[in-house]
Amino acid sequence: MAAQRQQSFDIEGMTCAACVRRVERRVARVEGVADVAVNLATERMDVCFDPDAIDEVGIAATVEKAGFGAQLRVAETETGARQARKRAELEGQARQFRWAAVFWLPLFVIEMGTMAGVPLPGALAFELHPLRTGWVHLALVLPVMGVGYRVYAEGTRALMAGGPNMFSLIAIGTAAAFCYSAWGLAMVASGAAVTFDSYFPAVSTIIALMLMGRYLEARSRLRAGEAMGALLQLQPETAALITSDGERIIEAERIAVGDRLRVRPGERIPADGAVVEGASTVDESLLTGESLPVAKGVGDAVTGGSLNGSG
């Protein structure tokens, strides 16, 4: 039996905690997978698996069947490029919301203006001119739905994959409201009805607010990812490992539980651990924000990335 392998993947398309649970459940059921953990903020999945039973391609295919994208995570040296791509996506989402707002706000004012005391011309009064106002509603809601097409695309994809998410519910609800209103407008236009119930403003409002919420969420995730990346960059690339043959330098990624490491004055601690010999002061401002160093002795816990003092 081959030793278990640890691999990281970039996951695309996750929007909430339910998406995280769905990915974890799907991958955990795959034969050969020993452990899986998904982080929504960094859009990262860490998998421990038996390479004789499943490989990276099979794991990525499982994620794709769940309705998401997956690819092997690139080296940390390319984190900057990944963050730049995320910033570009964020700018695209902001642009989508701005375009949606251009058409949503006039429709919102027409529908709710009288309640807020905004004077509106009688020609736009729905009670007096349902057909005319209905056409105006339709003309303004269609661009909003077009700008928010990804809500329908992702909601439908998740629904077809057997894991409906919040986009699925929004897509079903707004599509039903649009079709009902469009049918009513057609009845009035054909002379079969005098008036109808217009839910076009509600559809426009739901989609516009969803786009705004998605933008704010993506911005928060980007900032969280940048903060985590900044903390990871504090970790040294190498560590001094103490063995029975003496001391040798290893890559920080190869540190294992139980290793004894030597940290000299002025160096950063390469991993979380505990002091087994000596005493020093440690700068833990990356965790607490407190610039004053903290005294550490035998048995005290230390945090990877913190700065060793003079001991």
Protein backbone atom coordinates (compact mmCIF):
# COMPACT_ATOMS: atom_id res chain seq x y z
CA MET A 1 0.00 0.00 0.00
CA ALA A 2 1.42 3.38 -1.02
CA ALA A 3 1.82 6.18 1.48
CA GLN A 4 -1.03 8.65 1.58
CA ARG A 5 -0.61 11.83 -0.44
CA GLN A 6 -1.59 15.38 0.53
CA GLN A 7 -2.79 17.66 -2.26
CA SER A 8 -4.43 21.09 -2.46
CA PHE A 9 -6.98 22.28 -5.03
CA ASP A 10 -8.43 25.63 -6.01
CA ILE A 11 -12.25 25.40 -5.98
CA GLU A 12 -14.35 27.72 -8.12
CA GLY A 13 -18.04 28.53 -7.86
CA MET A 14 -18.58 28.26 -4.09
CA THR A 15 -20.85 30.95 -2.67
CA CYS A 16 -21.84 29.84 0.84
CA ALA A 17 -21.29 27.31 3.62
CA ALA A 18 -23.73 24.92 1.95
CA CYS A 19 -21.42 24.77 -1.07
CA VAL A 20 -18.52 23.89 1.23
CA ARG A 21 -20.46 21.06 2.85
CA ARG A 22 -21.55 19.70 -0.52
CA VAL A 23 -17.97 19.59 -1.84
CA GLU A 24 -16.68 17.97 1.35
CA ARG A 25 -19.43 15.32 1.35
CA ARG A 26 -18.91 14.42 -2.31
CA VAL A 27 -15.14 14.12 -2.01
CA ALA A 28 -15.24 12.33 1.35
CA ARG A 29 -17.39 9.56 -0.21
CA VAL A 30 -14.74 8.80 -2.83
CA GLU A 31 -12.90 5.55 -2.20
CA GLY A 32 -9.33 6.21 -1.11
CA VAL A 33 -9.95 9.67 0.36
CA ALA A 34 -8.92 9.72 4.02
CA ASP A 35 -9.62 13.36 4.85
CA VAL A 36 -10.88 16.51 3.13
CA ALA A 37 -11.16 20.10 4.30
CA VAL A 38 -12.57 23.05 2.29
CA ASN A 39 -12.03 26.72 3.12
CA LEU A 40 -14.56 29.15 1.64
CA ALA A 41 -12.49 32.29 2.29
CA THR A 42 -9.43 31.03 0.39
CA GLU A 43 -11.46 28.79 -1.98
CA ARG A 44 -9.04 25.99 -1.16
CA MET A 45 -9.55 22.25 -0.65
CA ASP A 46 -6.94 20.08 1.09
CA VAL A 47 -7.28 16.34 0.47
CA CYS A 48 -5.39 13.40 1.98
CA PHE A 49 -5.82 10.31 -0.19
CA ASP A 50 -4.40 6.95 -1.25
CA PRO A 51 -2.83 7.39 -4.72
CA ASP A 52 -3.41 3.70 -5.47
CA ALA A 53 -7.18 4.17 -5.15
CA ILE A 54 -7.73 7.66 -6.60
CA ASP A 55 -5.64 10.36 -8.23
CA GLU A 56 -5.86 14.13 -8.57
CA VAL A 57 -7.79 13.92 -11.83
CA GLY A 58 -10.46 11.74 -10.22
CA ILE A 59 -10.81 14.09 -7.26
CA ALA A 60 -11.18 17.10 -9.55
CA ALA A 61 -13.80 15.21 -11.59
CA THR A 62 -15.77 14.49 -8.41
CA VAL A 63 -15.82 18.19 -7.55
CA GLU A 64 -16.96 19.07 -11.07
CA LYS A 65 -19.80 16.56 -10.83
CA ALA A 66 -20.92 18.41 -7.71
CA GLY A 67 -21.29 21.55 -9.82
CA PHE A 68 -18.00 23.33 -9.08
CA GLY A 69 -14.65 23.83 -10.73
CA ALA A 70 -11.42 22.31 -9.38
CA GLN A 71 -7.78 22.47 -10.34
CA LEU A 72 -4.53 21.70 -8.61
CA ARG A 73 -3.40 24.60 -6.48
CA VAL A 74 -0.39 26.42 -7.85
CA ALA A 75 2.74 27.10 -5.88
CA GLU A 76 2.59 29.81 -3.25
CA THR A 77 4.97 31.86 -5.39
CA GLU A 78 2.05 32.38 -7.80
CA THR A 79 -0.31 33.61 -5.11
CA GLY A 80 0.07 37.17 -6.37
CA ALA A 81 -1.20 36.19 -9.81
CA ARG A 82 -4.15 34.38 -8.25
CA GLN A 83 -5.03 37.40 -6.14
CA ALA A 84 -4.78 39.64 -9.21
CA ARG A 85 -7.27 37.38 -10.97
CA LYS A 86 -9.61 37.60 -8.00
CA ARG A 87 -9.36 41.38 -8.02
CA ALA A 88 -10.25 41.40 -11.71
CA GLU A 89 -13.29 39.22 -10.98
CA LEU A 90 -14.29 41.58 -8.18
CA GLU A 91 -14.13 44.55 -10.52
CA GLY A 92 -16.32 42.65 -12.95
CA GLN A 93 -18.92 42.02 -10.25
CA ALA A 94 -18.89 45.70 -9.27
CA ARG A 95 -19.43 46.63 -12.90
CA GLN A 96 -22.37 44.20 -13.15
CA PHE A 97 -24.03 45.72 -10.12
CA ARG A 98 -23.58 49.26 -11.43
CA TRP A 99 -25.22 48.35 -14.74
CA ALA A 100 -28.06 46.57 -12.94
CA ALA A 101 -28.60 49.64 -10.74
CA VAL A 102 -28.94 51.86 -13.82
CA PHE A 103 -32.14 50.02 -14.77
CA TRP A 104 -33.28 48.90 -11.33
CA LEU A 105 -33.41 52.33 -9.67
CA PRO A 106 -35.83 53.91 -12.22
CA LEU A 107 -38.10 50.88 -11.97
CA PHE A 108 -37.94 51.01 -8.18
CA VAL A 109 -38.86 54.71 -8.20
CA ILE A 110 -41.78 54.12 -10.56
CA GLU A 111 -43.10 51.35 -8.34
CA MET A 112 -42.41 52.80 -4.89
CA GLY A 113 -42.05 56.52 -5.56
CA THR A 114 -45.57 57.50 -4.53
CA MET A 115 -45.14 55.73 -1.18
CA ALA A 116 -41.99 57.75 -0.55
CA GLY A 117 -43.62 61.01 -1.59
CA VAL A 118 -41.82 61.27 -4.92
CA PRO A 119 -44.11 62.95 -7.48
CA LEU A 120 -44.60 60.86 -10.60
CA PRO A 121 -46.37 61.78 -13.86
CA GLY A 122 -49.84 60.35 -14.24
CA ALA A 123 -48.76 58.64 -17.46
CA LEU A 124 -46.72 56.21 -15.31
CA ALA A 125 -49.49 55.46 -12.81
CA PHE A 126 -50.04 51.71 -12.99
CA GLU A 127 -53.63 51.98 -11.76
CA LEU A 128 -54.52 54.34 -14.65
CA HIS A 129 -52.36 52.91 -17.42
CA PRO A 130 -51.51 49.26 -16.64
CA LEU A 131 -50.57 48.41 -20.21
CA ARG A 132 -48.27 51.38 -20.75
CA THR A 133 -46.66 51.06 -17.35
CA GLY A 134 -46.38 47.31 -17.80
CA TRP A 135 -44.34 47.78 -20.98
CA VAL A 136 -42.08 50.21 -19.11
CA HIS A 137 -41.65 47.64 -16.32
CA LEU A 138 -40.75 44.97 -18.87
CA ALA A 139 -38.27 47.21 -20.66
CA LEU A 140 -36.46 47.95 -17.40
CA VAL A 141 -36.46 44.46 -15.89
CA LEU A 142 -35.04 42.65 -18.92
CA PRO A 143 -31.60 44.40 -18.78
CA VAL A 144 -31.35 43.62 -15.06
CA MET A 145 -32.04 39.96 -15.70
CA GLY A 146 -29.51 40.00 -18.52
CA VAL A 147 -26.81 41.49 -16.30
CA GLY A 148 -27.59 38.89 -13.64
CA TYR A 149 -27.52 35.93 -16.01
CA ARG A 150 -24.88 34.20 -13.85
CA VAL A 151 -27.46 33.83 -11.08
CA TYR A 152 -29.58 31.75 -13.44
CA ALA A 153 -26.62 29.88 -14.93
CA GLU A 154 -25.12 28.89 -11.58
CA GLY A 155 -28.50 28.19 -10.00
CA THR A 156 -29.49 25.91 -12.86
CA ARG A 157 -26.13 24.15 -12.83
CA ALA A 158 -26.39 23.46 -9.11
CA LEU A 159 -29.96 22.25 -9.51
CA MET A 160 -29.00 19.88 -12.32
CA ALA A 161 -26.13 18.56 -10.20
CA GLY A 162 -28.58 17.62 -7.46
CA GLY A 163 -27.37 20.27 -4.99
CA PRO A 164 -29.57 23.37 -5.29
CA ASN A 165 -28.16 26.49 -3.66
CA MET A 166 -29.44 29.99 -2.99
CA PHE A 167 -29.01 30.90 -6.65
CA SER A 168 -31.29 28.00 -7.57
CA LEU A 169 -34.03 29.36 -5.32
CA ILE A 170 -33.60 32.89 -6.66
CA ALA A 171 -33.63 31.66 -10.26
CA ILE A 172 -36.82 29.65 -9.75
CA GLY A 173 -38.61 32.40 -7.83
CA THR A 174 -37.73 35.28 -10.14
CA ALA A 175 -38.35 33.23 -13.28
CA ALA A 176 -41.80 32.25 -12.02
CA ALA A 177 -42.62 35.87 -11.10
CA PHE A 178 -41.39 37.11 -14.49
CA CYS A 179 -43.39 34.54 -16.45
CA TYR A 180 -46.54 35.23 -14.42
CA SER A 181 -46.18 38.99 -14.98
CA ALA A 182 -45.36 38.56 -18.68
CA TRP A 183 -48.47 36.40 -19.12
CA GLY A 184 -50.60 39.03 -17.40
CA LEU A 185 -49.13 41.78 -19.59
CA ALA A 186 -49.87 39.70 -22.69
CA MET A 187 -53.49 39.26 -21.56
CA VAL A 188 -53.89 43.03 -21.15
CA ALA A 189 -52.22 43.69 -24.50
CA SER A 190 -54.57 41.25 -26.25
CA GLY A 191 -57.64 42.79 -24.62
CA ALA A 192 -58.45 39.63 -22.62
CA ALA A 193 -57.89 41.45 -19.31
CA VAL A 194 -58.13 45.01 -18.02
CA THR A 195 -55.20 44.92 -15.61
CA PHE A 196 -52.68 42.48 -14.16
CA ASP A 197 -50.32 41.99 -11.22
CA SER A 198 -46.83 43.19 -12.16
CA TYR A 199 -43.98 41.52 -10.29
CA PHE A 200 -41.35 42.94 -12.63
CA PRO A 201 -40.16 45.45 -9.99
CA ALA A 202 -39.78 42.65 -7.43
CA VAL A 203 -37.74 40.58 -9.88
CA SER A 204 -35.51 43.56 -10.62
CA THR A 205 -35.01 44.33 -6.93
CA ILE A 206 -34.14 40.76 -5.97
CA ILE A 207 -31.55 40.40 -8.71
CA ALA A 208 -29.99 43.82 -8.12
CA LEU A 209 -29.68 43.22 -4.38
CA MET A 210 -28.27 39.75 -5.02
CA LEU A 211 -25.60 41.22 -7.29
CA MET A 212 -24.75 43.80 -4.64
CA GLY A 213 -24.55 41.13 -1.93
CA ARG A 214 -22.40 38.93 -4.11
CA TYR A 215 -20.01 41.80 -4.74
CA LEU A 216 -19.72 42.61 -1.03
CA GLU A 217 -19.16 38.94 -0.19
CA ALA A 218 -16.47 38.57 -2.87
CA ARG A 219 -14.74 41.71 -1.58
CA SER A 220 -14.72 40.33 1.95
CA ARG A 221 -13.32 36.99 0.77
CA LEU A 222 -10.62 38.75 -1.23
CA ARG A 223 -9.54 40.80 1.76
CA ALA A 224 -9.54 37.71 3.98
CA GLY A 225 -7.45 35.85 1.42
CA GLU A 226 -4.97 38.70 1.17
CA ALA A 227 -4.67 38.83 4.96
CA MET A 228 -4.07 35.08 5.15
CA GLY A 229 -1.53 35.31 2.34
CA ALA A 230 0.32 38.06 4.20
CA LEU A 231 0.49 35.86 7.30
CA LEU A 232 1.75 32.89 5.28
CA GLN A 233 4.50 35.04 3.81
CA LEU A 234 5.82 35.58 7.33
CA GLN A 235 6.67 31.89 7.58
CA PRO A 236 10.34 31.22 6.76
CA GLU A 237 11.07 28.99 3.79
CA THR A 238 13.58 26.82 5.68
CA ALA A 239 14.10 25.46 9.19
CA ALA A 240 17.03 24.10 11.17
CA LEU A 241 16.17 20.49 12.04
CA ILE A 242 18.02 18.85 14.93
CA THR A 243 18.70 15.14 14.40
CA SER A 244 20.92 12.50 15.97
CA ASP A 245 23.53 13.36 13.32
CA GLY A 246 23.47 17.05 14.11
CA GLU A 247 21.70 19.97 12.51
CA ARG A 248 20.55 20.25 8.91
CA ILE A 249 18.46 22.70 6.93
CA ILE A 250 15.14 21.50 5.52
CA GLU A 251 12.24 23.15 3.71
CA ALA A 252 9.60 24.47 6.10
CA GLU A 253 6.93 22.48 4.24
CA ARG A 254 8.70 19.23 5.27
CA ILE A 255 8.42 19.88 9.00
CA ALA A 256 6.61 16.98 10.69
CA VAL A 257 4.96 16.60 14.07
CA GLY A 258 7.58 15.76 16.67
CA ASP A 259 10.53 17.43 14.90
CA ARG A 260 12.97 19.41 17.03
CA LEU A 261 13.94 22.73 15.49
CA ARG A 262 16.54 25.33 16.41
CA VAL A 263 15.50 28.96 16.13
CA ARG A 264 18.30 31.47 16.48
CA PRO A 265 17.94 35.07 17.70
CA GLY A 266 16.28 37.30 15.12
CA GLU A 267 14.80 34.40 13.15
CA ARG A 268 11.13 33.67 12.62
CA ILE A 269 9.67 30.52 14.12
CA PRO A 270 8.94 28.18 11.17
CA ALA A 271 5.93 26.32 12.67
CA ASP A 272 3.61 26.15 15.66
CA GLY A 273 5.16 24.27 18.54
CA ALA A 274 6.43 24.39 22.11
CA VAL A 275 9.75 25.36 23.69
CA VAL A 276 11.75 22.30 24.80
CA GLU A 277 15.04 24.02 25.61
CA GLY A 278 16.15 27.56 26.36
CA ALA A 279 14.30 30.82 26.96
CA SER A 280 13.65 33.94 24.92
CA THR A 281 11.19 36.68 24.11
CA VAL A 282 8.94 36.41 21.06
CA ASP A 283 7.26 39.14 19.02
CA GLU A 284 3.68 37.94 18.50
CA SER A 285 2.32 41.18 17.08
CA LEU A 286 1.10 39.35 13.98
CA LEU A 287 -1.51 37.65 16.22
CA THR A 288 -2.24 40.13 18.99
CA GLY A 289 -1.17 43.47 17.52
CA GLU A 290 0.86 44.03 20.69
CA SER A 291 4.39 45.17 19.85
CA LEU A 292 5.87 44.25 23.24
CA PRO A 293 7.64 40.86 23.13
CA VAL A 294 6.35 37.97 25.21
CA ALA A 295 8.66 35.93 27.43
CA LYS A 296 8.84 32.25 26.53
CA GLY A 297 10.35 29.33 28.43
CA VAL A 298 10.34 25.55 28.41
CA GLY A 299 6.81 24.24 27.85
CA ASP A 300 5.42 27.51 26.48
CA ALA A 301 3.63 27.42 23.11
CA VAL A 302 5.00 29.42 20.20
CA THR A 303 3.33 30.38 16.93
CA GLY A 304 4.75 29.89 13.47
CA GLY A 305 5.71 33.17 11.83
CA SER A 306 6.37 35.00 15.10
CA LEU A 307 9.80 36.56 15.59
CA ASN A 308 12.31 35.16 18.06
CA GLY A 309 14.10 37.67 20.26
CA SER A 310 17.52 37.30 21.80
CA GLY A 311 17.25 33.76 23.17
